[in-house]
């Protein structure tokens, strides 16, 4: 089931957000691939994941990123994709038509274990986004109790995000 974009928008207002912090080694981390046009949705997902014990890296919140995209930007993004535990693709109409998002997903696909890549399908008032990838990658879904789930491809059951061990 796709996450409702309206629920992500509401989540973005639940708590004050801080800048992404350097990885401390104490918390699970996820790199968020998304369109910058979906900043409110990204912040909502960041709040939801923080509630599940996951630090979400959002590139435009990183003060060390160059202001204008260039080769250094690409290298920093590649490093973050490699060093974060998970790679998440926030599927929206904007990310599906982005130039950067497919590049980031392709890079993650070539460098990360497939069980560490997931699609975050979303739905808006018109349609659902991300279905094209659901047979290839895991997905982040919402349980009936409102907890985020880590669901394998072609499955309707998954683990709670908060309980996934990373050893």
Protein backbone atom coordinates (compact mmCIF):
# COMPACT_ATOMS: atom_id res chain seq x y z
CA UNK A 1 0.00 0.00 0.00
CA UNK A 2 1.40 3.38 -0.94
CA UNK A 3 1.96 5.97 1.78
CA UNK A 4 -0.51 8.81 1.46
CA UNK A 5 1.29 12.05 0.63
CA UNK A 6 -1.17 13.85 2.91
CA UNK A 7 0.00 11.68 5.84
CA UNK A 8 3.63 12.54 5.05
CA UNK A 9 2.69 16.23 4.97
CA UNK A 10 1.05 15.94 8.39
CA UNK A 11 4.05 14.05 9.79
CA UNK A 12 6.38 16.85 8.69
CA UNK A 13 4.67 19.13 11.22
CA UNK A 14 4.87 16.79 14.25
CA UNK A 15 8.27 17.81 15.55
CA UNK A 16 11.02 20.28 14.79
CA UNK A 17 13.54 18.92 12.32
CA UNK A 18 17.27 19.29 12.67
CA UNK A 19 19.99 19.29 10.08
CA UNK A 20 21.26 15.84 9.10
CA UNK A 21 24.08 14.92 11.41
CA UNK A 22 27.24 12.99 10.55
CA UNK A 23 26.81 9.27 11.03
CA UNK A 24 27.78 8.41 14.61
CA UNK A 25 27.75 4.62 14.28
CA UNK A 26 24.98 4.30 16.90
CA UNK A 27 21.90 4.55 14.75
CA UNK A 28 20.67 2.99 11.54
CA UNK A 29 20.84 5.41 8.63
CA UNK A 30 19.06 5.75 5.32
CA UNK A 31 19.88 7.86 2.27
CA UNK A 32 16.77 9.46 0.79
CA UNK A 33 16.55 9.72 -2.98
CA UNK A 34 13.81 12.22 -3.77
CA UNK A 35 12.91 15.29 -5.76
CA UNK A 36 13.68 18.55 -3.98
CA UNK A 37 10.19 19.62 -5.07
CA UNK A 38 8.94 17.10 -2.48
CA UNK A 39 10.76 18.65 0.48
CA UNK A 40 7.70 18.54 2.76
CA UNK A 41 7.14 14.85 1.97
CA UNK A 42 10.84 14.16 2.61
CA UNK A 43 10.61 15.87 5.99
CA UNK A 44 7.49 13.88 6.86
CA UNK A 45 9.29 10.63 6.06
CA UNK A 46 12.25 11.87 8.11
CA UNK A 47 9.97 12.35 11.14
CA UNK A 48 8.33 8.95 10.67
CA UNK A 49 11.68 7.18 10.36
CA UNK A 50 13.15 9.03 13.35
CA UNK A 51 10.22 7.68 15.38
CA UNK A 52 11.33 4.20 14.24
CA UNK A 53 14.97 4.76 15.20
CA UNK A 54 16.33 5.54 11.73
CA UNK A 55 18.31 8.67 10.83
CA UNK A 56 17.33 9.85 7.35
CA UNK A 57 19.98 11.67 5.34
CA UNK A 58 18.53 14.43 3.13
CA UNK A 59 21.13 16.06 0.89
CA UNK A 60 19.72 19.61 0.92
CA UNK A 61 19.88 19.62 4.71
CA UNK A 62 23.61 18.85 4.58
CA UNK A 63 25.51 22.12 5.05
CA UNK A 64 28.65 20.57 3.50
CA UNK A 65 26.99 20.02 0.10
CA UNK A 66 27.92 22.46 -2.68
CA UNK A 67 25.23 25.03 -3.41
CA UNK A 68 25.13 24.22 -7.12
CA UNK A 69 25.27 20.58 -8.26
CA UNK A 70 28.65 19.61 -9.71
CA UNK A 71 31.12 16.71 -9.72
CA UNK A 72 31.77 17.17 -5.98
CA UNK A 73 28.02 16.87 -5.36
CA UNK A 74 27.92 13.57 -7.25
CA UNK A 75 30.91 12.23 -5.31
CA UNK A 76 29.42 13.22 -1.95
CA UNK A 77 26.11 11.63 -2.88
CA UNK A 78 27.88 8.43 -3.93
CA UNK A 79 29.74 8.34 -0.61
CA UNK A 80 26.53 8.86 1.37
CA UNK A 81 24.75 6.14 -0.59
CA UNK A 82 27.60 3.74 0.20
CA UNK A 83 27.88 4.60 3.89
CA UNK A 84 24.20 4.69 4.85
CA UNK A 85 22.63 1.38 5.88
CA UNK A 86 19.69 1.76 3.50
CA UNK A 87 18.83 3.52 0.28
CA UNK A 88 15.24 4.75 0.03
CA UNK A 89 13.58 6.06 -3.13
CA UNK A 90 10.63 8.35 -2.34
CA UNK A 91 8.42 7.65 -5.33
CA UNK A 92 6.33 10.65 -6.39
CA UNK A 93 5.43 12.19 -9.71
CA UNK A 94 8.34 14.59 -9.24
CA UNK A 95 10.97 11.95 -8.43
CA UNK A 96 9.79 9.73 -11.26
CA UNK A 97 10.52 12.57 -13.72
CA UNK A 98 13.71 13.80 -12.05
CA UNK A 99 17.12 13.62 -13.74
CA UNK A 100 19.04 12.92 -10.52
CA UNK A 101 16.76 10.28 -8.96
CA UNK A 102 17.21 7.55 -11.60
CA UNK A 103 20.98 8.15 -11.48
CA UNK A 104 20.99 7.73 -7.68
CA UNK A 105 18.82 4.60 -7.84
CA UNK A 106 21.07 3.10 -10.52
CA UNK A 107 24.16 3.87 -8.46
CA UNK A 108 22.62 2.30 -5.35
CA UNK A 109 21.58 -0.76 -7.34
CA UNK A 110 25.18 -1.27 -8.43
CA UNK A 111 26.80 -0.70 -5.03
CA UNK A 112 24.42 -1.80 -2.27
CA UNK A 113 23.00 -5.20 -1.41
CA UNK A 114 19.50 -5.44 -2.87
CA UNK A 115 17.96 -6.07 0.55
CA UNK A 116 19.23 -2.62 1.59
CA UNK A 117 17.32 -0.76 -1.17
CA UNK A 118 13.63 0.08 -0.84
CA UNK A 119 11.00 2.06 -2.66
CA UNK A 120 8.70 4.30 -0.65
CA UNK A 121 5.60 4.29 -2.85
CA UNK A 122 3.27 7.23 -2.36
CA UNK A 123 -0.22 8.14 -3.45
CA UNK A 124 -1.80 11.51 -4.00
CA UNK A 125 -5.36 12.48 -4.86
CA UNK A 126 -4.82 11.35 -8.46
CA UNK A 127 -2.60 8.25 -8.54
CA UNK A 128 -0.03 5.99 -6.90
CA UNK A 129 3.69 6.30 -7.66
CA UNK A 130 6.50 3.76 -7.61
CA UNK A 131 4.69 0.61 -8.66
CA UNK A 132 7.17 0.13 -11.53
CA UNK A 133 9.87 -0.81 -9.02
CA UNK A 134 7.98 -2.93 -6.52
CA UNK A 135 8.88 -6.25 -8.10
CA UNK A 136 12.58 -5.28 -8.11
CA UNK A 137 13.12 -3.88 -4.62
CA UNK A 138 11.78 -3.95 -1.12
CA UNK A 139 9.28 -1.29 -0.14
CA UNK A 140 8.44 0.73 2.92
CA UNK A 141 4.80 0.24 3.79
CA UNK A 142 2.47 1.18 6.62
CA UNK A 143 0.96 -1.40 8.97
CA UNK A 144 -2.63 -1.21 10.17
CA UNK A 145 -1.22 0.10 13.48
CA UNK A 146 0.61 2.96 11.73
CA UNK A 147 4.11 1.44 12.01
CA UNK A 148 6.50 1.46 9.05
CA UNK A 149 7.21 -1.95 7.55
CA UNK A 150 10.17 -3.24 5.50
CA UNK A 151 8.47 -5.47 2.89
CA UNK A 152 10.25 -7.84 0.46
CA UNK A 153 9.40 -7.70 -3.27
CA UNK A 154 6.20 -9.53 -4.24
CA UNK A 155 5.09 -9.86 -0.63
CA UNK A 156 2.39 -8.33 1.52
CA UNK A 157 4.12 -9.03 4.82
CA UNK A 158 7.23 -7.49 6.28
CA UNK A 159 9.15 -6.62 9.41
CA UNK A 160 8.70 -3.50 11.46
CA UNK A 161 11.40 -1.03 10.46
CA UNK A 162 12.31 -0.51 14.11
CA UNK A 163 13.14 -4.21 14.55
CA UNK A 164 15.38 -4.85 11.53
CA UNK A 165 18.80 -5.93 12.82
CA UNK A 166 21.95 -4.68 11.13
CA UNK A 167 25.03 -6.57 12.24
